[in-house]
Protein backbone atom coordinates (compact mmCIF):
# COMPACT_ATOMS: atom_id res chain seq x y z
CA UNK A 1 -100.70 -155.56 -91.93
CA UNK A 2 -101.26 -155.25 -88.19
CA UNK A 3 -102.75 -152.93 -85.59
CA UNK A 4 -104.79 -150.60 -87.77
CA UNK A 5 -106.43 -149.05 -84.71
CA UNK A 6 -103.74 -146.38 -84.44
CA UNK A 7 -105.03 -144.99 -87.77
CA UNK A 8 -108.13 -143.69 -85.98
CA UNK A 9 -105.93 -140.99 -84.46
CA UNK A 10 -103.16 -140.71 -87.07
CA UNK A 11 -105.49 -140.26 -90.05
CA UNK A 12 -109.03 -139.45 -88.96
CA UNK A 13 -108.43 -136.78 -86.31
CA UNK A 14 -106.36 -134.45 -88.56
CA UNK A 15 -108.98 -134.79 -91.28
CA UNK A 16 -111.78 -134.03 -88.84
CA UNK A 17 -109.99 -130.81 -88.02
CA UNK A 18 -110.58 -129.60 -91.56
CA UNK A 19 -114.30 -129.44 -90.78
CA UNK A 20 -113.70 -126.91 -87.99
CA UNK A 21 -111.40 -124.89 -90.23
CA UNK A 22 -114.20 -124.34 -92.73
CA UNK A 23 -117.15 -124.08 -90.35
CA UNK A 24 -117.48 -120.26 -90.42
CA UNK A 25 -120.86 -119.89 -92.17
CA UNK A 26 -124.06 -121.78 -92.85
CA UNK A 27 -123.72 -124.94 -94.91
CA UNK A 28 -124.14 -128.00 -92.69
CA UNK A 29 -126.05 -130.95 -94.11
CA UNK A 30 -127.09 -134.53 -93.44
CA UNK A 31 -127.36 -137.22 -96.07
CA UNK A 32 -127.65 -140.86 -97.03
CA UNK A 33 -126.23 -142.94 -99.87
CA UNK A 34 -126.63 -146.47 -101.19
CA UNK A 35 -125.02 -148.53 -103.93
CA UNK A 36 -127.28 -149.73 -106.75
CA UNK A 37 -124.69 -151.56 -108.90
CA UNK A 38 -121.44 -152.99 -107.55
CA UNK A 39 -118.65 -155.03 -109.07
CA UNK A 40 -115.02 -155.77 -108.27
CA UNK A 41 -112.27 -158.22 -107.43
CA UNK A 42 -111.15 -159.74 -104.15
CA UNK A 43 -107.50 -160.64 -103.67
CA UNK A 44 -106.97 -163.07 -100.80
CA UNK A 45 -103.40 -163.77 -99.67
CA UNK A 46 -102.86 -166.71 -97.32
CA UNK A 47 -99.58 -167.78 -95.78
CA UNK A 48 -99.32 -171.19 -94.15
CA UNK A 49 -96.06 -172.67 -92.99
CA UNK A 50 -94.06 -170.16 -95.09
CA UNK A 51 -96.07 -170.96 -98.23
CA UNK A 52 -97.98 -168.12 -99.88
CA UNK A 53 -101.05 -168.47 -102.02
CA UNK A 54 -102.89 -165.64 -103.77
CA UNK A 55 -106.32 -166.06 -105.33
CA UNK A 56 -108.89 -163.78 -106.94
CA UNK A 57 -112.63 -164.16 -106.53
CA UNK A 58 -115.60 -162.21 -107.85
CA UNK A 59 -117.25 -160.05 -105.21
CA UNK A 60 -120.84 -158.85 -104.91
CA UNK A 61 -121.16 -155.86 -102.62
CA UNK A 62 -123.78 -153.50 -101.22
CA UNK A 63 -123.30 -150.55 -98.93
CA UNK A 64 -125.24 -147.78 -97.20
CA UNK A 65 -123.80 -144.51 -95.87
CA UNK A 66 -125.08 -141.96 -93.37
CA UNK A 67 -123.31 -138.60 -93.66
CA UNK A 68 -122.97 -135.35 -91.73
CA UNK A 69 -121.03 -132.65 -93.50
CA UNK A 70 -120.33 -129.03 -94.29
CA UNK A 71 -120.58 -127.34 -97.68
CA UNK A 72 -118.39 -124.29 -98.23
CA UNK A 73 -117.80 -121.90 -101.13
CA UNK A 74 -121.08 -123.30 -102.56
CA UNK A 75 -119.31 -126.22 -104.25
CA UNK A 76 -116.84 -128.06 -101.96
CA UNK A 77 -117.85 -130.41 -99.13
CA UNK A 78 -116.21 -132.16 -96.19
CA UNK A 79 -118.20 -134.90 -94.47
CA UNK A 80 -118.10 -137.57 -91.81
CA UNK A 81 -119.65 -140.88 -92.77
CA UNK A 82 -120.73 -144.16 -91.22
CA UNK A 83 -120.76 -147.04 -93.74
CA UNK A 84 -122.22 -150.53 -93.51
CA UNK A 85 -120.90 -152.83 -96.26
CA UNK A 86 -121.89 -156.40 -97.03
CA UNK A 87 -119.71 -158.43 -99.38
CA UNK A 88 -120.57 -161.82 -100.82
CA UNK A 89 -117.51 -163.81 -101.93
CA UNK A 90 -116.88 -167.40 -102.92
CA UNK A 91 -114.91 -167.89 -99.71
CA UNK A 92 -117.62 -166.49 -97.43
CA UNK A 93 -119.71 -163.42 -96.62
CA UNK A 94 -118.07 -160.37 -95.02
CA UNK A 95 -119.60 -157.43 -93.16
CA UNK A 96 -117.60 -154.24 -92.56
CA UNK A 97 -118.67 -151.22 -90.50
CA UNK A 98 -116.48 -148.13 -90.88
CA UNK A 99 -116.30 -144.47 -89.90
CA UNK A 100 -114.46 -142.02 -92.13
CA UNK A 101 -114.06 -138.63 -93.79
CA UNK A 102 -114.70 -137.69 -97.43
CA UNK A 103 -113.80 -134.48 -99.24
CA UNK A 104 -115.62 -133.39 -102.42
CA UNK A 105 -114.42 -130.85 -104.96
CA UNK A 106 -117.22 -129.21 -106.93
CA UNK A 107 -116.40 -128.10 -110.48
CA UNK A 108 -118.22 -124.77 -110.52
CA UNK A 109 -116.60 -123.72 -113.82
CA UNK A 110 -118.62 -126.36 -115.70
CA UNK A 111 -121.70 -126.39 -113.44
CA UNK A 112 -125.17 -125.22 -114.33
CA UNK A 113 -127.86 -123.73 -112.10
CA UNK A 114 -129.07 -127.19 -111.12
CA UNK A 115 -126.14 -129.57 -111.81
CA UNK A 116 -122.74 -129.64 -110.07
CA UNK A 117 -120.08 -132.21 -111.11
CA UNK A 118 -117.74 -133.35 -108.34
CA UNK A 119 -114.72 -135.50 -107.51
CA UNK A 120 -114.23 -137.25 -104.16
CA UNK A 121 -111.46 -138.68 -102.01
CA UNK A 122 -111.70 -140.11 -98.49
CA UNK A 123 -110.44 -142.54 -95.87
CA UNK A 124 -112.10 -144.63 -93.18
CA UNK A 125 -111.39 -147.24 -90.52
CA UNK A 126 -113.49 -149.80 -88.68
CA UNK A 127 -113.99 -153.50 -88.07
CA UNK A 128 -115.13 -156.48 -90.13
CA UNK A 129 -116.98 -159.67 -89.22
CA UNK A 130 -117.36 -162.98 -91.05
CA UNK A 131 -118.66 -166.35 -89.91
CA UNK A 132 -116.71 -168.28 -92.57
CA UNK A 133 -113.52 -166.29 -93.22
CA UNK A 134 -111.82 -166.60 -89.84
CA UNK A 135 -108.95 -164.15 -90.37
CA UNK A 136 -111.45 -161.43 -91.36
CA UNK A 137 -113.76 -161.97 -88.38
CA UNK A 138 -113.15 -159.10 -85.93
CA UNK A 139 -110.32 -157.79 -88.10
CA UNK A 140 -109.30 -154.14 -88.25
CA UNK A 141 -110.18 -152.40 -91.51
CA UNK A 142 -108.84 -149.41 -93.41
CA UNK A 143 -110.48 -148.15 -96.61
CA UNK A 144 -109.64 -145.49 -99.20
CA UNK A 145 -112.39 -143.94 -101.33
CA UNK A 146 -112.26 -142.30 -104.76
CA UNK A 147 -115.23 -141.13 -106.78
CA UNK A 148 -116.88 -138.74 -109.22
CA UNK A 149 -120.43 -137.83 -110.16
CA UNK A 150 -123.01 -135.06 -110.22
CA UNK A 151 -125.24 -133.30 -107.68
CA UNK A 152 -128.69 -132.21 -108.83
CA UNK A 153 -130.14 -129.28 -106.85
CA UNK A 154 -133.78 -130.29 -106.35
CA UNK A 155 -134.63 -127.21 -104.29
CA UNK A 156 -132.93 -124.80 -101.86
CA UNK A 157 -132.36 -127.48 -99.21
CA UNK A 158 -132.36 -130.83 -101.01
CA UNK A 159 -129.99 -132.20 -103.63
CA UNK A 160 -129.76 -135.60 -105.25
CA UNK A 161 -126.55 -137.37 -106.22
CA UNK A 162 -125.55 -140.05 -108.70
CA UNK A 163 -121.92 -141.12 -108.93
CA UNK A 164 -119.19 -143.71 -109.34
CA UNK A 165 -117.20 -144.80 -106.26
CA UNK A 166 -114.08 -146.95 -105.99
CA UNK A 167 -113.14 -148.26 -102.54
CA UNK A 168 -109.95 -150.16 -101.67
CA UNK A 169 -110.36 -152.05 -98.39
CA UNK A 170 -107.57 -153.78 -96.44
CA UNK A 171 -108.36 -156.23 -93.63
CA UNK A 172 -105.73 -156.60 -90.89
CA UNK A 173 -104.28 -160.03 -90.15
CA UNK A 174 -104.04 -161.86 -86.84
CA UNK A 175 -100.99 -163.24 -85.06
CA UNK A 176 -101.55 -166.94 -85.60
CA UNK A 177 -99.08 -169.76 -85.07
CA UNK A 178 -99.93 -171.40 -88.40
CA UNK A 179 -101.33 -168.62 -90.58
CA UNK A 180 -100.57 -165.02 -91.30
CA UNK A 181 -103.45 -163.86 -93.46
CA UNK A 182 -104.48 -160.63 -95.12
CA UNK A 183 -107.26 -159.65 -97.52
CA UNK A 184 -107.55 -156.79 -99.96
CA UNK A 185 -110.79 -155.94 -101.75
CA UNK A 186 -111.18 -153.39 -104.52
CA UNK A 187 -114.81 -152.45 -105.15
CA UNK A 188 -116.48 -150.29 -107.81
CA UNK A 189 -120.04 -149.02 -107.30
CA UNK A 190 -122.69 -146.82 -108.88
CA UNK A 191 -124.31 -144.89 -106.02
CA UNK A 192 -127.40 -142.79 -105.41
CA UNK A 193 -127.60 -140.27 -102.60
CA UNK A 194 -129.63 -137.43 -101.12
CA UNK A 195 -128.61 -134.59 -98.81
CA UNK A 196 -130.56 -132.01 -96.82
CA UNK A 197 -128.80 -128.70 -96.21
CA UNK A 198 -129.77 -126.63 -93.16
């Protein structure tokens, strides 16, 4: 998996356009999110001298998001996010910084005055660093997000969120004379978040 940088234009720019398509009334917000419980599996594929080896290691992960978005029709949201993830694996620690777009569907048919269930899908790209896992240091990253949870409307401007997120992250490999390496990490998290609507 090589040269993920083209995905910044192929994937992100069309999705960013959806924000402008819906930005015809009030509903912009800012927010933040953090994981409180994370668990998952890392699959690490290494190829050396035409020999492949695949291993699985437990992963401990934390992440924080900063978001800017737009809420429309009172229940759906499209947002830009910046994410800082730290992953602790048995083969070394990994840090990934990504920018992306999420879209949330609010289920107004089963919502109450204060509680809105939602489902989420998104995509992001960025770069990873690692002092011990050489093929991940300065590697290109692409991630896909899925999630579900509830928003609690604290007052007219502030809502609180609790949810489940699943993120699949692929780390691009380098052109190396002896190795051609790639990593895939699937991560599940319970998240808490807060947003302020203008």
